[in-house]
Amino acid sequence: MTILLADDDPITLDSLAACLRPEGFQVVLAKDGNEALALWQKHKPDLLCLDIMMPGLDGYEVCRRVREKDPRVPVLFVSAKSEEIDVVVGLRLGADDFVRKPFGKHELIARIHSALRRVSTAKSPASCFELGALRVFPDELRAQRQDGDSVDLTPREVSILKLLHDRVGQAVSRDVLLDVCWGLDYMPESRTIDQHIAKLRKKIEREPEDIIETIRGVGYRWRG
């Protein structure tokens, strides 16, 4: 598998590459956003690791342009910009994950493997399922409302909706969501789930709907 690494710091690029090559990954290195886009179009990597602050196009813009063309390829931000707003902006642009610098080798590898597993699972054909007025097509990474509106989804968002559908009426704890939708080896921030759910709600819910119900102190539920 090929991973595109984009960072304007050559030391960080070398460090990232040194982490990933022994794991069997091929790496493609970009020193700025414009080069990252060009190399993404040329090599079609299986995953992208992007810094945010880069000359030319920043990581946010690279992610946005990649997502316009490909909703499936995993995108991870690896950045020293680690305020909550930085993470939220990245997730809203379609990133799968956010790794803070300085990063640990084993954490980075675990998150990359987790993201790649989710994409592999999403590529397997799956039957559509319904949550209220929403019909979800997992193999197409989209949902359709009864009014005809179509909503693009990420592999993780499909996984969250499928879990809530399979456990209709039950409160699904954050620990279960992490295990099923993020992977057991994933080490998230405390707000990761809430940020993903908030983004997903904006996509699929219309007032006064409440497709995903918050269970205070526990997690989330689809009432059915």
N, C-alpha and C. Protein backbone atom coordinates (compact mmCIF):
# COMPACT_ATOMS: atom_id res chain seq x y z
N MET A 1 0.84 -1.20 0.00
CA MET A 1 0.00 0.00 0.00
C MET A 1 0.88 1.25 0.00
N THR A 2 0.34 2.32 -0.60
CA THR A 2 1.08 3.56 -0.74
C THR A 2 0.46 4.65 0.12
N ILE A 3 1.30 5.38 0.85
CA ILE A 3 0.84 6.48 1.68
C ILE A 3 1.54 7.76 1.23
N LEU A 4 0.76 8.80 1.00
CA LEU A 4 1.29 10.11 0.65
C LEU A 4 1.50 10.92 1.93
N LEU A 5 2.72 11.40 2.14
CA LEU A 5 3.07 12.21 3.29
C LEU A 5 3.37 13.62 2.82
N ALA A 6 2.69 14.61 3.40
CA ALA A 6 2.89 16.00 3.00
C ALA A 6 3.21 16.84 4.22
N ASP A 7 4.39 17.46 4.21
CA ASP A 7 4.82 18.32 5.32
C ASP A 7 5.96 19.20 4.81
N ASP A 8 5.98 20.46 5.23
CA ASP A 8 7.03 21.36 4.76
C ASP A 8 8.31 21.24 5.58
N ASP A 9 8.29 20.41 6.63
CA ASP A 9 9.47 20.19 7.45
C ASP A 9 10.15 18.88 7.02
N PRO A 10 11.33 18.95 6.43
CA PRO A 10 11.98 17.72 5.94
C PRO A 10 12.29 16.73 7.05
N ILE A 11 12.53 17.21 8.27
CA ILE A 11 12.82 16.30 9.38
C ILE A 11 11.58 15.48 9.72
N THR A 12 10.41 16.15 9.72
CA THR A 12 9.17 15.44 9.99
C THR A 12 8.87 14.44 8.88
N LEU A 13 9.10 14.83 7.63
CA LEU A 13 8.88 13.90 6.52
C LEU A 13 9.74 12.65 6.68
N ASP A 14 11.02 12.85 7.00
CA ASP A 14 11.92 11.71 7.18
C ASP A 14 11.46 10.84 8.34
N SER A 15 10.98 11.47 9.41
CA SER A 15 10.52 10.73 10.58
C SER A 15 9.29 9.89 10.25
N LEU A 16 8.34 10.50 9.53
CA LEU A 16 7.15 9.77 9.12
C LEU A 16 7.50 8.58 8.22
N ALA A 17 8.36 8.84 7.24
CA ALA A 17 8.75 7.78 6.32
C ALA A 17 9.46 6.65 7.05
N ALA A 18 10.30 7.00 8.04
CA ALA A 18 11.04 5.99 8.80
C ALA A 18 10.10 5.13 9.64
N CYS A 19 8.96 5.71 10.04
CA CYS A 19 7.97 4.93 10.78
C CYS A 19 7.24 3.93 9.89
N LEU A 20 6.96 4.34 8.66
CA LEU A 20 6.05 3.58 7.81
C LEU A 20 6.74 2.56 6.91
N ARG A 21 7.92 2.85 6.45
CA ARG A 21 8.59 1.91 5.53
C ARG A 21 8.82 0.54 6.16
N PRO A 22 9.26 0.45 7.43
CA PRO A 22 9.43 -0.89 8.03
C PRO A 22 8.13 -1.67 8.18
N GLU A 23 6.98 -0.96 8.10
CA GLU A 23 5.68 -1.62 8.19
C GLU A 23 5.21 -2.16 6.83
N GLY A 24 6.04 -1.95 5.81
CA GLY A 24 5.70 -2.46 4.48
C GLY A 24 5.01 -1.47 3.58
N PHE A 25 4.85 -0.22 4.03
CA PHE A 25 4.20 0.78 3.20
C PHE A 25 5.20 1.43 2.25
N GLN A 26 4.74 1.72 1.04
CA GLN A 26 5.48 2.60 0.15
C GLN A 26 5.08 4.03 0.46
N VAL A 27 6.02 4.94 0.43
CA VAL A 27 5.71 6.32 0.79
C VAL A 27 6.05 7.25 -0.36
N VAL A 28 5.21 8.26 -0.51
CA VAL A 28 5.42 9.32 -1.48
C VAL A 28 5.49 10.61 -0.68
N LEU A 29 6.53 11.42 -0.90
CA LEU A 29 6.78 12.59 -0.07
C LEU A 29 6.49 13.88 -0.83
N ALA A 30 5.77 14.79 -0.16
CA ALA A 30 5.46 16.10 -0.73
C ALA A 30 5.85 17.17 0.28
N LYS A 31 6.48 18.24 -0.21
CA LYS A 31 6.97 19.28 0.69
C LYS A 31 6.02 20.46 0.83
N ASP A 32 4.91 20.46 0.07
CA ASP A 32 3.92 21.52 0.21
C ASP A 32 2.59 21.02 -0.35
N GLY A 33 1.55 21.86 -0.22
CA GLY A 33 0.22 21.45 -0.63
C GLY A 33 0.06 21.24 -2.12
N ASN A 34 0.65 22.09 -2.92
CA ASN A 34 0.54 21.95 -4.38
C ASN A 34 1.17 20.64 -4.85
N GLU A 35 2.35 20.32 -4.29
CA GLU A 35 3.00 19.07 -4.67
C GLU A 35 2.19 17.87 -4.18
N ALA A 36 1.57 18.02 -3.01
CA ALA A 36 0.74 16.92 -2.48
C ALA A 36 -0.41 16.60 -3.42
N LEU A 37 -1.08 17.64 -3.92
CA LEU A 37 -2.19 17.41 -4.85
C LEU A 37 -1.71 16.75 -6.14
N ALA A 38 -0.59 17.24 -6.67
CA ALA A 38 -0.06 16.68 -7.91
C ALA A 38 0.33 15.21 -7.73
N LEU A 39 0.96 14.88 -6.61
CA LEU A 39 1.38 13.51 -6.37
C LEU A 39 0.19 12.61 -6.07
N TRP A 40 -0.84 13.17 -5.41
CA TRP A 40 -2.05 12.38 -5.18
C TRP A 40 -2.71 11.99 -6.50
N GLN A 41 -2.79 12.94 -7.44
CA GLN A 41 -3.39 12.64 -8.73
C GLN A 41 -2.55 11.64 -9.52
N LYS A 42 -1.24 11.70 -9.35
CA LYS A 42 -0.34 10.82 -10.10
C LYS A 42 -0.32 9.40 -9.53
N HIS A 43 -0.22 9.27 -8.22
CA HIS A 43 0.02 7.97 -7.60
C HIS A 43 -1.24 7.30 -7.04
N LYS A 44 -2.31 8.07 -6.82
CA LYS A 44 -3.54 7.54 -6.22
C LYS A 44 -3.23 6.70 -4.98
N PRO A 45 -2.64 7.30 -3.96
CA PRO A 45 -2.24 6.55 -2.77
C PRO A 45 -3.44 6.00 -2.02
N ASP A 46 -3.17 5.03 -1.15
CA ASP A 46 -4.24 4.41 -0.36
C ASP A 46 -4.62 5.25 0.85
N LEU A 47 -3.76 6.20 1.24
CA LEU A 47 -4.02 7.05 2.40
C LEU A 47 -3.14 8.28 2.31
N LEU A 48 -3.64 9.40 2.85
CA LEU A 48 -2.87 10.64 2.89
C LEU A 48 -2.66 11.09 4.33
N CYS A 49 -1.42 11.47 4.66
CA CYS A 49 -1.09 12.12 5.94
C CYS A 49 -0.68 13.56 5.62
N LEU A 50 -1.44 14.53 6.11
CA LEU A 50 -1.23 15.92 5.74
C LEU A 50 -0.91 16.79 6.95
N ASP A 51 0.11 17.62 6.81
CA ASP A 51 0.31 18.71 7.76
C ASP A 51 -0.71 19.80 7.42
N ILE A 52 -1.02 20.67 8.35
CA ILE A 52 -1.96 21.76 8.07
C ILE A 52 -1.23 22.97 7.50
N MET A 53 -0.24 23.47 8.22
CA MET A 53 0.46 24.69 7.80
C MET A 53 1.55 24.35 6.81
N MET A 54 1.25 24.57 5.52
CA MET A 54 2.22 24.34 4.46
C MET A 54 2.19 25.51 3.48
N PRO A 55 3.30 25.79 2.82
CA PRO A 55 3.29 26.87 1.83
C PRO A 55 2.40 26.53 0.65
N GLY A 56 1.90 27.57 0.00
CA GLY A 56 0.97 27.35 -1.11
C GLY A 56 -0.38 26.95 -0.56
N LEU A 57 -0.84 25.78 -0.92
CA LEU A 57 -2.09 25.25 -0.38
C LEU A 57 -1.83 24.64 0.99
N ASP A 58 -2.66 25.00 1.97
CA ASP A 58 -2.50 24.37 3.27
C ASP A 58 -3.20 23.00 3.28
N GLY A 59 -3.02 22.26 4.37
CA GLY A 59 -3.57 20.92 4.44
C GLY A 59 -5.08 20.89 4.35
N TYR A 60 -5.75 21.88 4.93
CA TYR A 60 -7.20 21.96 4.85
C TYR A 60 -7.67 22.00 3.40
N GLU A 61 -7.02 22.84 2.60
CA GLU A 61 -7.42 22.99 1.20
C GLU A 61 -7.12 21.73 0.41
N VAL A 62 -5.99 21.09 0.70
CA VAL A 62 -5.68 19.83 0.03
C VAL A 62 -6.76 18.80 0.34
N CYS A 63 -7.14 18.70 1.61
CA CYS A 63 -8.18 17.74 2.00
C CYS A 63 -9.49 18.05 1.29
N ARG A 64 -9.86 19.32 1.26
CA ARG A 64 -11.13 19.70 0.61
C ARG A 64 -11.13 19.29 -0.86
N ARG A 65 -10.03 19.55 -1.57
CA ARG A 65 -9.98 19.23 -3.00
C ARG A 65 -9.95 17.71 -3.24
N VAL A 66 -9.26 16.99 -2.37
CA VAL A 66 -9.25 15.53 -2.49
C VAL A 66 -10.65 14.97 -2.27
N ARG A 67 -11.34 15.50 -1.26
CA ARG A 67 -12.69 15.00 -0.95
C ARG A 67 -13.68 15.30 -2.08
N GLU A 68 -13.46 16.35 -2.82
CA GLU A 68 -14.34 16.64 -3.96
C GLU A 68 -14.26 15.54 -5.02
N LYS A 69 -13.09 14.91 -5.12
CA LYS A 69 -12.87 13.89 -6.15
C LYS A 69 -13.02 12.47 -5.62
N ASP A 70 -12.69 12.27 -4.34
CA ASP A 70 -12.66 10.91 -3.79
C ASP A 70 -13.15 10.92 -2.34
N PRO A 71 -14.38 10.45 -2.08
CA PRO A 71 -14.90 10.44 -0.71
C PRO A 71 -14.39 9.27 0.13
N ARG A 72 -13.65 8.33 -0.49
CA ARG A 72 -13.27 7.11 0.20
C ARG A 72 -11.87 7.15 0.78
N VAL A 73 -10.91 7.72 0.08
CA VAL A 73 -9.52 7.61 0.50
C VAL A 73 -9.35 8.22 1.89
N PRO A 74 -8.72 7.49 2.81
CA PRO A 74 -8.53 8.03 4.17
C PRO A 74 -7.57 9.22 4.16
N VAL A 75 -7.92 10.23 4.94
CA VAL A 75 -7.08 11.42 5.11
C VAL A 75 -6.84 11.63 6.60
N LEU A 76 -5.57 11.68 6.99
CA LEU A 76 -5.20 11.95 8.37
C LEU A 76 -4.42 13.26 8.42
N PHE A 77 -4.77 14.12 9.35
CA PHE A 77 -3.96 15.29 9.60
C PHE A 77 -2.92 14.94 10.67
N VAL A 78 -1.67 15.30 10.42
CA VAL A 78 -0.59 15.15 11.40
C VAL A 78 -0.02 16.54 11.60
N SER A 79 -0.39 17.18 12.70
CA SER A 79 -0.11 18.61 12.81
C SER A 79 0.14 19.04 14.25
N ALA A 80 0.93 20.11 14.39
CA ALA A 80 1.14 20.74 15.70
C ALA A 80 -0.02 21.66 16.05
N LYS A 81 -0.85 22.01 15.08
CA LYS A 81 -2.05 22.80 15.36
C LYS A 81 -3.08 21.87 15.98
N SER A 82 -3.20 21.93 17.29
CA SER A 82 -3.97 20.90 17.99
C SER A 82 -5.08 21.45 18.87
N GLU A 83 -5.47 22.71 18.64
CA GLU A 83 -6.61 23.23 19.38
C GLU A 83 -7.88 22.53 18.90
N GLU A 84 -8.91 22.56 19.72
CA GLU A 84 -10.15 21.86 19.36
C GLU A 84 -10.70 22.35 18.03
N ILE A 85 -10.61 23.66 17.77
CA ILE A 85 -11.15 24.20 16.53
C ILE A 85 -10.40 23.64 15.33
N ASP A 86 -9.09 23.39 15.47
CA ASP A 86 -8.31 22.82 14.37
C ASP A 86 -8.81 21.42 14.04
N VAL A 87 -9.08 20.63 15.08
CA VAL A 87 -9.59 19.27 14.87
C VAL A 87 -10.97 19.32 14.24
N VAL A 88 -11.83 20.20 14.74
CA VAL A 88 -13.20 20.29 14.23
C VAL A 88 -13.19 20.67 12.75
N VAL A 89 -12.39 21.67 12.39
CA VAL A 89 -12.33 22.09 10.98
C VAL A 89 -11.87 20.93 10.11
N GLY A 90 -10.86 20.20 10.55
CA GLY A 90 -10.36 19.07 9.77
C GLY A 90 -11.41 18.01 9.57
N LEU A 91 -12.14 17.68 10.63
CA LEU A 91 -13.19 16.65 10.52
C LEU A 91 -14.32 17.11 9.61
N ARG A 92 -14.69 18.37 9.70
CA ARG A 92 -15.77 18.88 8.85
C ARG A 92 -15.39 18.88 7.38
N LEU A 93 -14.10 18.98 7.10
CA LEU A 93 -13.65 18.93 5.71
C LEU A 93 -13.58 17.51 5.18
N GLY A 94 -13.77 16.53 6.07
CA GLY A 94 -13.80 15.14 5.62
C GLY A 94 -12.63 14.30 6.04
N ALA A 95 -11.75 14.83 6.92
CA ALA A 95 -10.63 14.03 7.39
C ALA A 95 -11.13 12.88 8.27
N ASP A 96 -10.40 11.80 8.26
CA ASP A 96 -10.76 10.63 9.06
C ASP A 96 -10.20 10.69 10.47
N ASP A 97 -9.10 11.41 10.64
CA ASP A 97 -8.44 11.38 11.93
C ASP A 97 -7.51 12.59 12.05
N PHE A 98 -7.03 12.83 13.29
CA PHE A 98 -6.16 13.96 13.57
C PHE A 98 -5.11 13.48 14.57
N VAL A 99 -3.85 13.48 14.15
CA VAL A 99 -2.74 13.05 15.00
C VAL A 99 -1.92 14.28 15.37
N ARG A 100 -1.74 14.48 16.66
CA ARG A 100 -1.03 15.66 17.13
C ARG A 100 0.48 15.43 17.17
N LYS A 101 1.22 16.46 16.75
CA LYS A 101 2.67 16.44 16.91
C LYS A 101 3.02 16.95 18.31
N PRO A 102 4.04 16.39 18.95
CA PRO A 102 4.83 15.23 18.49
C PRO A 102 4.02 13.94 18.65
N PHE A 103 4.15 13.05 17.70
CA PHE A 103 3.37 11.82 17.69
C PHE A 103 4.23 10.63 18.09
N GLY A 104 3.58 9.61 18.60
CA GLY A 104 4.26 8.35 18.89
C GLY A 104 4.15 7.41 17.70
N LYS A 105 5.20 6.70 17.40
CA LYS A 105 5.24 5.80 16.25
C LYS A 105 4.10 4.79 16.29
N HIS A 106 3.91 4.15 17.43
CA HIS A 106 2.91 3.08 17.51
C HIS A 106 1.49 3.65 17.40
N GLU A 107 1.27 4.83 17.94
CA GLU A 107 -0.05 5.46 17.81
C GLU A 107 -0.34 5.78 16.35
N LEU A 108 0.62 6.37 15.66
CA LEU A 108 0.43 6.73 14.26
C LEU A 108 0.12 5.49 13.42
N ILE A 109 0.90 4.43 13.59
CA ILE A 109 0.69 3.21 12.81
C ILE A 109 -0.67 2.60 13.11
N ALA A 110 -1.07 2.61 14.40
CA ALA A 110 -2.37 2.06 14.77
C ALA A 110 -3.50 2.82 14.10
N ARG A 111 -3.40 4.13 14.06
CA ARG A 111 -4.46 4.93 13.45
C ARG A 111 -4.52 4.73 11.94
N ILE A 112 -3.36 4.59 11.32
CA ILE A 112 -3.33 4.34 9.88
C ILE A 112 -3.97 2.98 9.56
N HIS A 113 -3.60 1.95 10.29
CA HIS A 113 -4.18 0.63 10.05
C HIS A 113 -5.69 0.66 10.29
N SER A 114 -6.14 1.38 11.30
CA SER A 114 -7.56 1.47 11.59
C SER A 114 -8.31 2.13 10.44
N ALA A 115 -7.76 3.22 9.91
CA ALA A 115 -8.41 3.91 8.79
C ALA A 115 -8.45 3.03 7.55
N LEU A 116 -7.39 2.30 7.28
CA LEU A 116 -7.36 1.42 6.11
C LEU A 116 -8.34 0.27 6.24
N ARG A 117 -8.51 -0.26 7.46
CA ARG A 117 -9.48 -1.33 7.67
C ARG A 117 -10.90 -0.84 7.40
N ARG A 118 -11.21 0.36 7.84
CA ARG A 118 -12.56 0.90 7.62
C ARG A 118 -12.87 1.02 6.14
N VAL A 119 -11.91 1.47 5.37
CA VAL A 119 -12.13 1.61 3.93
C VAL A 119 -12.29 0.25 3.29
N SER A 120 -11.49 -0.72 3.70
CA SER A 120 -11.59 -2.07 3.15
C SER A 120 -12.95 -2.66 3.43
N THR A 121 -13.46 -2.45 4.64
CA THR A 121 -14.79 -2.95 4.99
C THR A 121 -15.86 -2.27 4.18
N ALA A 122 -15.72 -0.96 3.98
CA ALA A 122 -16.75 -0.20 3.25
C ALA A 122 -16.82 -0.60 1.79
N LYS A 123 -15.72 -1.13 1.23
CA LYS A 123 -15.72 -1.53 -0.18
C LYS A 123 -16.48 -2.82 -0.41
N SER A 124 -16.70 -3.59 0.65
CA SER A 124 -17.44 -4.83 0.50
C SER A 124 -18.92 -4.54 0.27
N PRO A 125 -19.56 -5.17 -0.72
CA PRO A 125 -20.97 -4.90 -0.97
C PRO A 125 -21.81 -5.17 0.28
N ALA A 126 -22.77 -4.29 0.54
CA ALA A 126 -23.64 -4.45 1.71
C ALA A 126 -25.03 -4.00 1.35
N SER A 127 -26.00 -4.62 2.00
CA SER A 127 -27.39 -4.27 1.74
C SER A 127 -27.71 -2.92 2.35
N CYS A 128 -28.64 -2.21 1.73
CA CYS A 128 -29.06 -0.93 2.27
C CYS A 128 -29.91 -1.18 3.52
N PHE A 129 -30.00 -0.17 4.36
CA PHE A 129 -30.83 -0.25 5.56
C PHE A 129 -31.43 1.13 5.82
N GLU A 130 -32.45 1.18 6.65
CA GLU A 130 -33.18 2.42 6.87
C GLU A 130 -33.15 2.83 8.34
N LEU A 131 -33.04 4.14 8.54
CA LEU A 131 -33.20 4.75 9.85
C LEU A 131 -34.23 5.86 9.69
N GLY A 132 -35.46 5.57 10.05
CA GLY A 132 -36.52 6.55 9.87
C GLY A 132 -36.67 6.94 8.41
N ALA A 133 -36.54 8.24 8.13
CA ALA A 133 -36.69 8.75 6.77
C ALA A 133 -35.43 8.61 5.94
N LEU A 134 -34.42 7.97 6.50
CA LEU A 134 -33.12 7.88 5.85
C LEU A 134 -32.86 6.45 5.38
N ARG A 135 -32.52 6.29 4.11
CA ARG A 135 -32.10 4.99 3.58
C ARG A 135 -30.61 5.07 3.28
N VAL A 136 -29.84 4.14 3.87
CA VAL A 136 -28.39 4.18 3.77
C VAL A 136 -27.91 3.09 2.80
N PHE A 137 -27.03 3.47 1.87
CA PHE A 137 -26.44 2.56 0.89
C PHE A 137 -24.95 2.43 1.20
N PRO A 138 -24.55 1.45 2.04
CA PRO A 138 -23.16 1.37 2.49
C PRO A 138 -22.14 1.25 1.37
N ASP A 139 -22.44 0.44 0.35
CA ASP A 139 -21.47 0.24 -0.72
C ASP A 139 -21.29 1.48 -1.57
N GLU A 140 -22.24 2.41 -1.53
CA GLU A 140 -22.15 3.63 -2.31
C GLU A 140 -21.71 4.82 -1.47
N LEU A 141 -21.52 4.60 -0.17
CA LEU A 141 -21.14 5.67 0.76
C LEU A 141 -22.08 6.87 0.63
N ARG A 142 -23.37 6.58 0.70
CA ARG A 142 -24.34 7.66 0.64
C ARG A 142 -25.63 7.24 1.32
N ALA A 143 -26.46 8.23 1.61
CA ALA A 143 -27.80 7.99 2.13
C ALA A 143 -28.78 8.83 1.34
N GLN A 144 -30.03 8.41 1.33
CA GLN A 144 -31.05 9.16 0.61
C GLN A 144 -32.26 9.35 1.51
N ARG A 145 -32.78 10.57 1.52
CA ARG A 145 -33.94 10.89 2.31
C ARG A 145 -35.21 10.66 1.50
N GLN A 146 -36.35 10.57 2.19
CA GLN A 146 -37.62 10.36 1.49
C GLN A 146 -37.96 11.50 0.56
N ASP A 147 -37.41 12.69 0.85
CA ASP A 147 -37.66 13.83 -0.04
C ASP A 147 -36.77 13.81 -1.28
N GLY A 148 -35.90 12.79 -1.38
CA GLY A 148 -35.05 12.64 -2.55
C GLY A 148 -33.65 13.18 -2.41
N ASP A 149 -33.40 13.94 -1.35
CA ASP A 149 -32.06 14.50 -1.14
C ASP A 149 -31.06 13.38 -0.86
N SER A 150 -29.88 13.47 -1.48
CA SER A 150 -28.82 12.49 -1.28
C SER A 150 -27.73 13.10 -0.41
N VAL A 151 -27.17 12.28 0.47
CA VAL A 151 -26.14 12.73 1.41
C VAL A 151 -24.91 11.84 1.27
N ASP A 152 -23.75 12.44 1.02
CA ASP A 152 -22.52 11.68 0.96
C ASP A 152 -22.05 11.34 2.37
N LEU A 153 -21.55 10.11 2.56
CA LEU A 153 -21.10 9.66 3.86
C LEU A 153 -19.66 9.13 3.77
N THR A 154 -18.95 9.19 4.89
CA THR A 154 -17.63 8.58 4.98
C THR A 154 -17.79 7.13 5.45
N PRO A 155 -16.77 6.29 5.25
CA PRO A 155 -16.86 4.91 5.77
C PRO A 155 -17.18 4.84 7.26
N ARG A 156 -16.59 5.74 8.06
CA ARG A 156 -16.87 5.70 9.48
C ARG A 156 -18.31 6.10 9.78
N GLU A 157 -18.85 7.07 9.06
CA GLU A 157 -20.23 7.48 9.27
C GLU A 157 -21.20 6.34 8.94
N VAL A 158 -20.90 5.60 7.88
CA VAL A 158 -21.72 4.43 7.56
C VAL A 158 -21.65 3.41 8.70
N SER A 159 -20.45 3.22 9.24
CA SER A 159 -20.27 2.27 10.34
C SER A 159 -21.07 2.69 11.57
N ILE A 160 -21.07 3.98 11.88
CA ILE A 160 -21.84 4.48 13.03
C ILE A 160 -23.32 4.24 12.82
N LEU A 161 -23.84 4.59 11.65
CA LEU A 161 -25.26 4.41 11.38
C LEU A 161 -25.66 2.93 11.40
N LYS A 162 -24.79 2.08 10.87
CA LYS A 162 -25.10 0.64 10.86
C LYS A 162 -25.16 0.10 12.30
N LEU A 163 -24.25 0.53 13.13
CA LEU A 163 -24.25 0.07 14.52
C LEU A 163 -25.52 0.52 15.24
N LEU A 164 -25.92 1.77 15.05
CA LEU A 164 -27.15 2.26 15.68
C LEU A 164 -28.38 1.52 15.15
N HIS A 165 -28.36 1.22 13.84
CA HIS A 165 -29.47 0.48 13.24
C HIS A 165 -29.56 -0.93 13.81
N ASP A 166 -28.42 -1.59 13.94
CA ASP A 166 -28.42 -2.98 14.42
C ASP A 166 -28.82 -3.07 15.88
N ARG A 167 -28.68 -1.97 16.62
CA ARG A 167 -29.02 -1.98 18.05
C ARG A 167 -30.16 -1.00 18.32
N VAL A 168 -31.15 -1.01 17.44
CA VAL A 168 -32.27 -0.10 17.54
C VAL A 168 -32.89 -0.16 18.94
N GLY A 169 -33.15 1.01 19.50
CA GLY A 169 -33.77 1.10 20.81
C GLY A 169 -32.80 0.97 21.97
N GLN A 170 -31.56 0.57 21.69
CA GLN A 170 -30.57 0.40 22.75
C GLN A 170 -29.64 1.61 22.81
N ALA A 171 -29.21 1.94 24.01
CA ALA A 171 -28.19 2.97 24.17
C ALA A 171 -26.83 2.36 23.85
N VAL A 172 -26.15 2.90 22.85
CA VAL A 172 -24.83 2.40 22.45
C VAL A 172 -23.78 3.26 23.12
N SER A 173 -22.98 2.67 23.97
CA SER A 173 -22.00 3.43 24.75
C SER A 173 -20.87 3.93 23.85
N ARG A 174 -20.16 4.93 24.34
CA ARG A 174 -19.00 5.44 23.61
C ARG A 174 -17.92 4.37 23.46
N ASP A 175 -17.76 3.52 24.48
CA ASP A 175 -16.76 2.45 24.38
C ASP A 175 -17.09 1.49 23.24
N VAL A 176 -18.38 1.15 23.08
CA VAL A 176 -18.78 0.26 21.99
C VAL A 176 -18.57 0.94 20.64
N LEU A 177 -18.92 2.21 20.55
CA LEU A 177 -18.70 2.95 19.31
C LEU A 177 -17.21 2.95 18.94
N LEU A 178 -16.36 3.18 19.92
CA LEU A 178 -14.92 3.17 19.66
C LEU A 178 -14.45 1.81 19.17
N ASP A 179 -14.90 0.75 19.84
CA ASP A 179 -14.46 -0.59 19.48
C ASP A 179 -14.89 -0.96 18.06
N VAL A 180 -16.15 -0.65 17.72
CA VAL A 180 -16.71 -1.09 16.44
C VAL A 180 -16.34 -0.15 15.30
N CYS A 181 -16.42 1.15 15.52
CA CYS A 181 -16.28 2.12 14.43
C CYS A 181 -14.89 2.74 14.31
N TRP A 182 -14.10 2.66 15.36
CA TRP A 182 -12.74 3.19 15.32
C TRP A 182 -11.69 2.09 15.36
N GLY A 183 -11.99 1.00 16.02
CA GLY A 183 -11.03 -0.09 16.15
C GLY A 183 -10.44 -0.14 17.54
N LEU A 184 -10.19 -1.34 18.03
CA LEU A 184 -9.70 -1.53 19.39
C LEU A 184 -8.35 -0.87 19.63
N ASP A 185 -7.53 -0.75 18.57
CA ASP A 185 -6.20 -0.18 18.76
C ASP A 185 -6.18 1.32 18.57
N TYR A 186 -7.35 1.93 18.47
CA TYR A 186 -7.42 3.36 18.26
C TYR A 186 -7.37 4.09 19.60
N MET A 187 -6.64 5.19 19.67
CA MET A 187 -6.49 5.94 20.91
C MET A 187 -7.01 7.35 20.70
N PRO A 188 -8.31 7.59 20.88
CA PRO A 188 -8.91 8.87 20.52
C PRO A 188 -8.85 9.90 21.63
N GLU A 189 -9.12 11.14 21.24
CA GLU A 189 -9.36 12.18 22.22
C GLU A 189 -10.77 12.02 22.75
N SER A 190 -11.04 12.62 23.90
CA SER A 190 -12.34 12.42 24.55
C SER A 190 -13.49 12.98 23.72
N ARG A 191 -13.23 14.00 22.90
CA ARG A 191 -14.30 14.61 22.13
C ARG A 191 -14.45 14.04 20.73
N THR A 192 -13.63 13.07 20.37
CA THR A 192 -13.64 12.57 18.99
C THR A 192 -15.02 12.08 18.57
N ILE A 193 -15.65 11.24 19.39
CA ILE A 193 -16.95 10.69 19.04
C ILE A 193 -17.98 11.79 18.92
N ASP A 194 -18.04 12.69 19.90
CA ASP A 194 -19.04 13.75 19.88
C ASP A 194 -18.90 14.64 18.65
N GLN A 195 -17.65 14.91 18.25
CA GLN A 195 -17.43 15.74 17.06
C GLN A 195 -17.91 15.02 15.80
N HIS A 196 -17.67 13.73 15.69
CA HIS A 196 -18.14 12.98 14.53
C HIS A 196 -19.66 12.89 14.50
N ILE A 197 -20.28 12.67 15.65
CA ILE A 197 -21.73 12.59 15.70
C ILE A 197 -22.35 13.94 15.34
N ALA A 198 -21.78 15.02 15.84
CA ALA A 198 -22.30 16.36 15.52
C ALA A 198 -22.24 16.62 14.01
N LYS A 199 -21.13 16.25 13.40
CA LYS A 199 -20.99 16.42 11.96
C LYS A 199 -22.00 15.56 11.20
N LEU A 200 -22.18 14.32 11.66
CA LEU A 200 -23.11 13.41 11.00
C LEU A 200 -24.54 13.92 11.12
N ARG A 201 -24.91 14.43 12.29
CA ARG A 201 -26.25 14.97 12.47
C ARG A 201 -26.54 16.11 11.50
N LYS A 202 -25.57 16.99 11.30
CA LYS A 202 -25.77 18.10 10.38
C LYS A 202 -26.04 17.60 8.97
N LYS A 203 -25.45 16.46 8.64
CA LYS A 203 -25.65 15.90 7.30
C LYS A 203 -27.03 15.30 7.12
N ILE A 204 -27.50 14.54 8.12
CA ILE A 204 -28.65 13.67 7.89
C ILE A 204 -29.95 14.15 8.52
N GLU A 205 -29.89 15.03 9.52
CA GLU A 205 -31.11 15.39 10.24
C GLU A 205 -31.70 16.70 9.74
N ARG A 206 -33.01 16.75 9.75
CA ARG A 206 -33.75 17.98 9.44
C ARG A 206 -34.64 18.29 10.64
N GLU A 207 -34.77 19.55 10.95
CA GLU A 207 -35.64 19.92 12.08
C GLU A 207 -37.07 19.46 11.80
N PRO A 208 -37.81 18.91 12.78
CA PRO A 208 -37.40 18.67 14.17
C PRO A 208 -36.94 17.23 14.40
N GLU A 209 -36.33 16.60 13.42
CA GLU A 209 -35.92 15.20 13.53
C GLU A 209 -34.85 15.00 14.60
N ASP A 210 -34.77 13.79 15.09
CA ASP A 210 -33.74 13.42 16.05
C ASP A 210 -33.36 11.98 15.77
N ILE A 211 -32.75 11.74 14.59
CA ILE A 211 -32.41 10.38 14.20
C ILE A 211 -31.45 9.77 15.20
N ILE A 212 -30.45 10.53 15.61
CA ILE A 212 -29.48 10.07 16.59
C ILE A 212 -29.77 10.77 17.92
N GLU A 213 -30.19 10.01 18.90
CA GLU A 213 -30.56 10.56 20.20
C GLU A 213 -29.38 10.45 21.17
N THR A 214 -29.09 11.54 21.87
CA THR A 214 -28.03 11.53 22.88
C THR A 214 -28.55 10.97 24.20
N ILE A 215 -27.83 9.99 24.73
CA ILE A 215 -28.14 9.45 26.05
C ILE A 215 -27.06 9.96 27.00
N ARG A 216 -27.44 10.94 27.81
CA ARG A 216 -26.46 11.65 28.63
C ARG A 216 -25.69 10.68 29.53
N GLY A 217 -24.37 10.82 29.51
CA GLY A 217 -23.50 10.01 30.34
C GLY A 217 -23.25 8.61 29.82
N VAL A 218 -23.89 8.25 28.69
CA VAL A 218 -23.74 6.89 28.15
C VAL A 218 -23.22 6.92 26.73
N GLY A 219 -24.02 7.44 25.81
CA GLY A 219 -23.65 7.43 24.40
C GLY A 219 -24.79 7.90 23.54
N TYR A 220 -25.19 7.06 22.57
CA TYR A 220 -26.19 7.46 21.59
C TYR A 220 -27.14 6.31 21.28
N ARG A 221 -28.30 6.66 20.68
CA ARG A 221 -29.31 5.65 20.41
C ARG A 221 -30.16 6.09 19.22
N TRP A 222 -30.58 5.08 18.42
CA TRP A 222 -31.63 5.31 17.44
C TRP A 222 -32.88 4.63 17.98
N ARG A 223 -33.92 5.41 18.19
CA ARG A 223 -35.12 4.88 18.83
C ARG A 223 -35.93 3.98 17.92
N GLY A 224 -35.81 4.16 16.61
CA GLY A 224 -36.57 3.32 15.69
C GLY A 224 -37.99 3.80 15.53
